[in-house]
C-alpha atoms as a PDB file:
ATOM      1  CA  MET A   1      80.345  83.060 124.214  1.00  0.00           C
ATOM      2  CA  ARG A   2      79.910  79.421 125.056  1.00  0.00           C
ATOM      3  CA  GLN A   3      80.859  77.125 122.232  1.00  0.00           C
ATOM      4  CA  GLY A   4      79.934  73.519 122.729  1.00  0.00           C
ATOM      5  CA  LEU A   5      79.150  70.781 120.304  1.00  0.00           C
ATOM      6  CA  GLU A   6      77.303  73.155 117.967  1.00  0.00           C
ATOM      7  CA  GLY A   7      78.498  71.347 114.868  1.00  0.00           C
ATOM      8  CA  LEU A   8      76.616  68.240 115.866  1.00  0.00           C
ATOM      9  CA  ASP A   9      72.885  67.851 115.612  1.00  0.00           C
ATOM     10  CA  GLY A  10      70.844  68.577 118.730  1.00  0.00           C
ATOM     11  CA  GLN A  11      70.108  64.963 119.609  1.00  0.00           C
ATOM     12  CA  THR A  12      73.798  64.027 119.591  1.00  0.00           C
ATOM     13  CA  VAL A  13      74.682  66.931 121.872  1.00  0.00           C
ATOM     14  CA  ILE A  14      71.886  66.013 124.274  1.00  0.00           C
ATOM     15  CA  ARG A  15      72.989  62.363 124.340  1.00  0.00           C
ATOM     16  CA  PHE A  16      76.660  63.287 124.828  1.00  0.00           C
ATOM     17  CA  ARG A  17      75.967  65.639 127.724  1.00  0.00           C
ATOM     18  CA  GLY A  18      73.326  63.314 129.151  1.00  0.00           C
ATOM     19  CA  ALA A  19      75.778  60.429 129.174  1.00  0.00           C
ATOM     20  CA  GLY A  20      78.348  62.666 130.865  1.00  0.00           C
ATOM     21  CA  VAL A  21      75.911  63.798 133.545  1.00  0.00           C
ATOM     22  CA  SER A  22      74.624  60.251 134.129  1.00  0.00           C
ATOM     23  CA  LEU A  23      78.117  58.791 134.460  1.00  0.00           C
ATOM     24  CA  LEU A  24      79.149  61.700 136.682  1.00  0.00           C
ATOM     25  CA  LEU A  25      76.205  61.165 139.028  1.00  0.00           C
ATOM     26  CA  ALA A  26      76.793  57.411 139.126  1.00  0.00           C
ATOM     27  CA  HIS A  27      80.453  57.925 139.970  1.00  0.00           C
ATOM     28  CA  LEU A  28      79.664  60.486 142.682  1.00  0.00           C
ATOM     29  CA  LEU A  29      77.105  58.131 144.223  1.00  0.00           C
ATOM     30  CA  PHE A  30      79.681  55.348 144.265  1.00  0.00           C
ATOM     31  CA  VAL A  31      82.312  57.627 145.817  1.00  0.00           C
ATOM     32  CA  GLY A  32      79.797  58.836 148.398  1.00  0.00           C
ATOM     33  CA  TRP A  33      78.889  55.274 149.319  1.00  0.00           C
ATOM     34  CA  LEU A  34      82.545  54.258 149.494  1.00  0.00           C
ATOM     35  CA  THR A  35      83.789  57.180 151.554  1.00  0.00           C
ATOM     36  CA  LEU A  36      80.813  58.129 153.716  1.00  0.00           C
ATOM     37  CA  ARG A  37      79.573  54.807 154.995  1.00  0.00           C
ATOM     38  CA  PRO A  38      80.114  54.189 158.705  1.00  0.00           C
ATOM     39  CA  LEU A  39      82.851  51.724 159.576  1.00  0.00           C
ATOM     40  CA  ASP A  40      82.796  49.479 162.610  1.00  0.00           C
ATOM     41  CA  VAL A  41      86.386  49.675 163.792  1.00  0.00           C
ATOM     42  CA  PRO A  42      87.826  48.973 167.260  1.00  0.00           C
ATOM     43  CA  TRP A  43      90.049  52.075 167.134  1.00  0.00           C
ATOM     44  CA  MET A  44      90.606  55.093 164.919  1.00  0.00           C
ATOM     45  CA  THR A  45      93.694  57.027 163.980  1.00  0.00           C
ATOM     46  CA  ALA A  46      93.795  60.756 164.549  1.00  0.00           C
ATOM     47  CA  SER A  47      92.910  63.125 161.747  1.00  0.00           C
ATOM     48  CA  ASN A  48      95.811  64.091 159.508  1.00  0.00           C
ATOM     49  CA  LEU A  49      95.910  67.842 158.983  1.00  0.00           C
ATOM     50  CA  GLN A  50      99.620  68.073 158.137  1.00  0.00           C
ATOM     51  CA  PRO A  51     100.218  67.979 154.357  1.00  0.00           C
ATOM     52  CA  LEU A  52     102.304  65.049 153.094  1.00  0.00           C
ATOM     53  CA  ALA A  53     102.574  63.387 156.532  1.00  0.00           C
ATOM     54  CA  GLY A  54     100.257  60.554 155.503  1.00  0.00           C
ATOM     55  CA  ILE A  55     102.082  60.071 152.217  1.00  0.00           C
ATOM     56  CA  ARG A  56     105.417  59.830 154.064  1.00  0.00           C
ATOM     57  CA  ALA A  57     103.855  57.291 156.431  1.00  0.00           C
ATOM     58  CA  ASP A  58     102.563  55.296 153.448  1.00  0.00           C
ATOM     59  CA  LEU A  59     106.014  55.324 151.843  1.00  0.00           C
ATOM     60  CA  SER A  60     107.516  53.884 155.021  1.00  0.00           C
ATOM     61  CA  LEU A  61     105.259  50.800 154.711  1.00  0.00           C
ATOM     62  CA  GLY A  62     107.143  49.482 151.703  1.00  0.00           C
ATOM     63  CA  PRO A  63     106.745  49.904 147.950  1.00  0.00           C
ATOM     64  CA  VAL A  64     103.764  47.576 147.444  1.00  0.00           C
ATOM     65  CA  GLU A  65     101.618  48.967 150.253  1.00  0.00           C
ATOM     66  CA  ALA A  66     102.652  52.550 149.469  1.00  0.00           C
ATOM     67  CA  THR A  67     101.716  52.100 145.810  1.00  0.00           C
ATOM     68  CA  ARG A  68      98.348  50.653 146.781  1.00  0.00           C
ATOM     69  CA  ARG A  69      97.472  53.414 149.243  1.00  0.00           C
ATOM     70  CA  ILE A  70      98.703  56.303 147.128  1.00  0.00           C
ATOM     71  CA  GLY A  71      97.116  54.770 144.018  1.00  0.00           C
ATOM     72  CA  GLU A  72      93.759  54.537 145.799  1.00  0.00           C
ATOM     73  CA  GLY A  73      93.976  58.227 146.639  1.00  0.00           C
ATOM     74  CA  LEU A  74      94.882  59.161 143.073  1.00  0.00           C
ATOM     75  CA  LEU A  75      92.221  56.974 141.431  1.00  0.00           C
ATOM     76  CA  LEU A  76      89.225  57.690 143.681  1.00  0.00           C
ATOM     77  CA  LEU A  77      88.156  60.922 141.989  1.00  0.00           C
ATOM     78  CA  ALA A  78      90.257  60.635 138.803  1.00  0.00           C
ATOM     79  CA  PRO A  79      87.205  59.907 136.596  1.00  0.00           C
ATOM     80  CA  LEU A  80      85.960  63.420 137.414  1.00  0.00           C
ATOM     81  CA  GLY A  81      88.832  64.744 135.293  1.00  0.00           C
ATOM     82  CA  VAL A  82      87.065  63.285 132.261  1.00  0.00           C
ATOM     83  CA  LEU A  83      83.412  63.271 133.339  1.00  0.00           C
ATOM     84  CA  LEU A  84      83.169  66.943 134.321  1.00  0.00           C
ATOM     85  CA  PRO A  85      84.292  68.231 130.878  1.00  0.00           C
ATOM     86  CA  MET A  86      82.143  65.561 129.216  1.00  0.00           C
ATOM     87  CA  ALA A  87      79.078  66.775 131.100  1.00  0.00           C
ATOM     88  CA  GLY A  88      79.897  70.330 129.998  1.00  0.00           C
ATOM     89  CA  GLY A  89      80.131  69.261 126.351  1.00  0.00           C
ATOM     90  CA  ARG A  90      82.561  71.955 125.173  1.00  0.00           C
ATOM     91  CA  LEU A  91      84.851  71.393 122.195  1.00  0.00           C
ATOM     92  CA  PHE A  92      86.302  74.875 121.834  1.00  0.00           C
ATOM     93  CA  VAL A  93      87.712  76.013 125.141  1.00  0.00           C
ATOM     94  CA  SER A  94      91.150  76.964 126.359  1.00  0.00           C
ATOM     95  CA  PRO A  95      92.924  73.832 127.605  1.00  0.00           C
ATOM     96  CA  TRP A  96      94.230  75.734 130.629  1.00  0.00           C
ATOM     97  CA  ALA A  97      90.812  77.134 131.522  1.00  0.00           C
ATOM     98  CA  SER A  98      89.290  73.674 131.207  1.00  0.00           C
ATOM     99  CA  LEU A  99      92.021  72.180 133.399  1.00  0.00           C
ATOM    100  CA  ALA A 100      91.625  74.927 136.003  1.00  0.00           C
ATOM    101  CA  ARG A 101      87.823  74.531 136.155  1.00  0.00           C
ATOM    102  CA  THR A 102      88.025  70.760 136.360  1.00  0.00           C
ATOM    103  CA  VAL A 103      90.744  70.693 139.015  1.00  0.00           C
ATOM    104  CA  ALA A 104      88.948  73.332 141.085  1.00  0.00           C
ATOM    105  CA  ALA A 105      85.701  71.360 140.920  1.00  0.00           C
ATOM    106  CA  GLY A 106      87.532  68.141 141.814  1.00  0.00           C
ATOM    107  CA  ALA A 107      89.239  69.839 144.773  1.00  0.00           C
ATOM    108  CA  LEU A 108      85.916  71.219 146.022  1.00  0.00           C
ATOM    109  CA  ILE A 109      84.226  67.827 145.722  1.00  0.00           C
ATOM    110  CA  SER A 110      87.118  66.198 147.579  1.00  0.00           C
ATOM    111  CA  LEU A 111      86.961  68.893 150.268  1.00  0.00           C
ATOM    112  CA  GLY A 112      83.217  68.323 150.603  1.00  0.00           C
ATOM    113  CA  ILE A 113      83.796  64.594 151.077  1.00  0.00           C
ATOM    114  CA  GLU A 114      86.492  65.223 153.690  1.00  0.00           C
ATOM    115  CA  LEU A 115      84.257  67.643 155.588  1.00  0.00           C
ATOM    116  CA  ALA A 116      81.334  65.219 155.438  1.00  0.00           C
ATOM    117  CA  GLN A 117      83.557  62.475 156.877  1.00  0.00           C
ATOM    118  CA  THR A 118      83.842  64.423 160.141  1.00  0.00           C
ATOM    119  CA  GLY A 119      80.357  63.244 161.079  1.00  0.00           C
ATOM    120  CA  VAL A 120      80.706  59.620 159.971  1.00  0.00           C
ATOM    121  CA  PRO A 121      81.720  57.009 162.571  1.00  0.00           C
ATOM    122  CA  GLY A 122      84.960  55.260 161.665  1.00  0.00           C
ATOM    123  CA  GLN A 123      86.026  57.809 159.044  1.00  0.00           C
ATOM    124  CA  VAL A 124      88.786  60.352 159.635  1.00  0.00           C
ATOM    125  CA  VAL A 125      89.801  63.503 157.811  1.00  0.00           C
ATOM    126  CA  ASP A 126      93.065  63.301 155.881  1.00  0.00           C
ATOM    127  CA  VAL A 127      94.440  66.322 154.057  1.00  0.00           C
ATOM    128  CA  ASP A 128      96.649  64.040 151.963  1.00  0.00           C
ATOM    129  CA  SER A 129      93.612  62.379 150.429  1.00  0.00           C
ATOM    130  CA  LEU A 130      92.445  65.847 149.363  1.00  0.00           C
ATOM    131  CA  LEU A 131      95.814  66.414 147.677  1.00  0.00           C
ATOM    132  CA  LEU A 132      95.918  62.980 146.049  1.00  0.00           C
ATOM    133  CA  ASN A 133      92.314  63.204 144.830  1.00  0.00           C
ATOM    134  CA  THR A 134      92.980  66.596 143.258  1.00  0.00           C
ATOM    135  CA  ILE A 135      96.192  65.418 141.587  1.00  0.00           C
ATOM    136  CA  GLY A 136      94.319  62.366 140.260  1.00  0.00           C
ATOM    137  CA  VAL A 137      91.649  64.607 138.703  1.00  0.00           C
ATOM    138  CA  ALA A 138      94.358  66.755 137.081  1.00  0.00           C
ATOM    139  CA  PHE A 139      96.260  63.740 135.677  1.00  0.00           C
ATOM    140  CA  ALA A 140      93.117  62.160 134.245  1.00  0.00           C
ATOM    141  CA  HIS A 141      92.109  65.441 132.643  1.00  0.00           C
ATOM    142  CA  LEU A 142      95.559  66.010 131.122  1.00  0.00           C
ATOM    143  CA  LEU A 143      95.824  62.455 129.807  1.00  0.00           C
ATOM    144  CA  VAL A 144      92.390  62.179 128.208  1.00  0.00           C
ATOM    145  CA  VAL A 145      90.488  65.415 127.591  1.00  0.00           C
ATOM    146  CA  PRO A 146      92.794  67.374 125.232  1.00  0.00           C
ATOM    147  CA  MET A 147      93.327  64.294 123.069  1.00  0.00           C
ATOM    148  CA  CYS A 148      89.602  63.506 122.883  1.00  0.00           C
ATOM    149  CA  ARG A 149      88.650  67.112 122.099  1.00  0.00           C
ATOM    150  CA  ALA A 150      91.236  67.278 119.304  1.00  0.00           C
ATOM    151  CA  ARG A 151      89.969  63.994 117.901  1.00  0.00           C
ATOM    152  CA  LEU A 152      86.348  65.174 117.936  1.00  0.00           C
ATOM    153  CA  ARG A 153      87.319  68.472 116.266  1.00  0.00           C
ATOM    154  CA  ARG A 154      89.274  66.629 113.528  1.00  0.00           C
ATOM    155  CA  LYS A 155      86.364  64.270 112.976  1.00  0.00           C
ATOM    156  CA  GLN A 156      83.924  67.149 112.580  1.00  0.00           C
ATOM    157  CA  GLU A 157      86.282  69.033 110.241  1.00  0.00           C
ATOM    158  CA  ARG A 158      86.544  65.944 107.989  1.00  0.00           C
ATOM    159  CA  VAL A 159      82.785  65.670 107.832  1.00  0.00           C
ATOM    160  CA  GLY A 160      82.630  69.368 107.004  1.00  0.00           C
ATOM    161  CA  VAL A 161      80.543  70.374 109.983  1.00  0.00           C
ATOM    162  CA  LEU A 162      83.030  72.824 111.497  1.00  0.00           C
ATOM    163  CA  PRO A 163      84.285  75.876 109.624  1.00  0.00           C
ATOM    164  CA  ARG A 164      88.013  75.978 109.115  1.00  0.00           C
ATOM    165  CA  PRO A 165      89.924  78.817 110.782  1.00  0.00           C
ATOM    166  CA  GLY A 166      89.682  81.988 108.718  1.00  0.00           C
ATOM    167  CA  ASP A 167      86.528  80.902 106.876  1.00  0.00           C
ATOM    168  CA  GLU A 168      83.512  83.190 106.936  1.00  0.00           C
ATOM    169  CA  ALA A 169      80.738  82.051 109.245  1.00  0.00           C
ATOM    170  CA  ALA A 170      77.986  80.014 107.593  1.00  0.00           C
ATOM    171  CA  GLN A 171      75.481  82.881 107.828  1.00  0.00           C
ATOM    172  CA  GLY A 172      77.796  85.581 106.535  1.00  0.00           C
ATOM    173  CA  ALA A 173      78.602  88.944 108.056  1.00  0.00           C
ATOM    174  CA  THR A 174      76.276  90.615 110.532  1.00  0.00           C
ATOM    175  CA  PRO A 175      74.019  93.070 108.697  1.00  0.00           C
ATOM    176  CA  THR A 176      74.179  96.722 109.682  1.00  0.00           C
ATOM    177  CA  ILE A 177      71.670  99.520 109.312  1.00  0.00           C
ATOM    178  CA  PRO A 178      73.503 102.710 108.298  1.00  0.00           C
ATOM    179  CA  ARG A 179      70.724 105.108 109.380  1.00  0.00           C
ATOM    180  CA  VAL A 180      70.791 104.056 113.020  1.00  0.00           C
ATOM    181  CA  GLY A 181      73.286 105.944 115.159  1.00  0.00           C
ATOM    182  CA  VAL A 182      74.933 104.911 118.368  1.00  0.00           C
ATOM    183  CA  ALA A 183      72.949 105.719 121.502  1.00  0.00           C
ATOM    184  CA  PRO A 184      74.475 108.309 123.888  1.00  0.00           C
END
């Protein structure tokens, strides 16, 4: 059973999810423009298909340049760690299931971008950017989403919108008809 923002009125849920979807689309358009535009370069490096080779090469450039390059990889898709759950609008979901869904979606989006770059002049495929993008999505999700969900749940409990654990549902028990048997 999908439990979202049921405690809120319908307009609030629609606005919350709508804002999430709008921000998600805007971010994906920006990322698409940033990563898939053709570059006019005199030469190109070869594609990096060996995991962590690019990160090791970045680390050899010195701490400032390495921090910049690795930080760019971590931050490019990091907002997806927050925007994907926001677009879903769920308050009551397993934190691990939410993290797994979000990280998987972030990894697939990053993989799609890397595969699309194969046809763009001046862009090369780098498996390390796939790893860094996915780790960035996971970090953003872990740092923001559980805290925000807990805060929203506490806020709704204070207002009295959400039932406390162990309380009977607002509509009571499901009625039964004793004369009706179970079908074979």
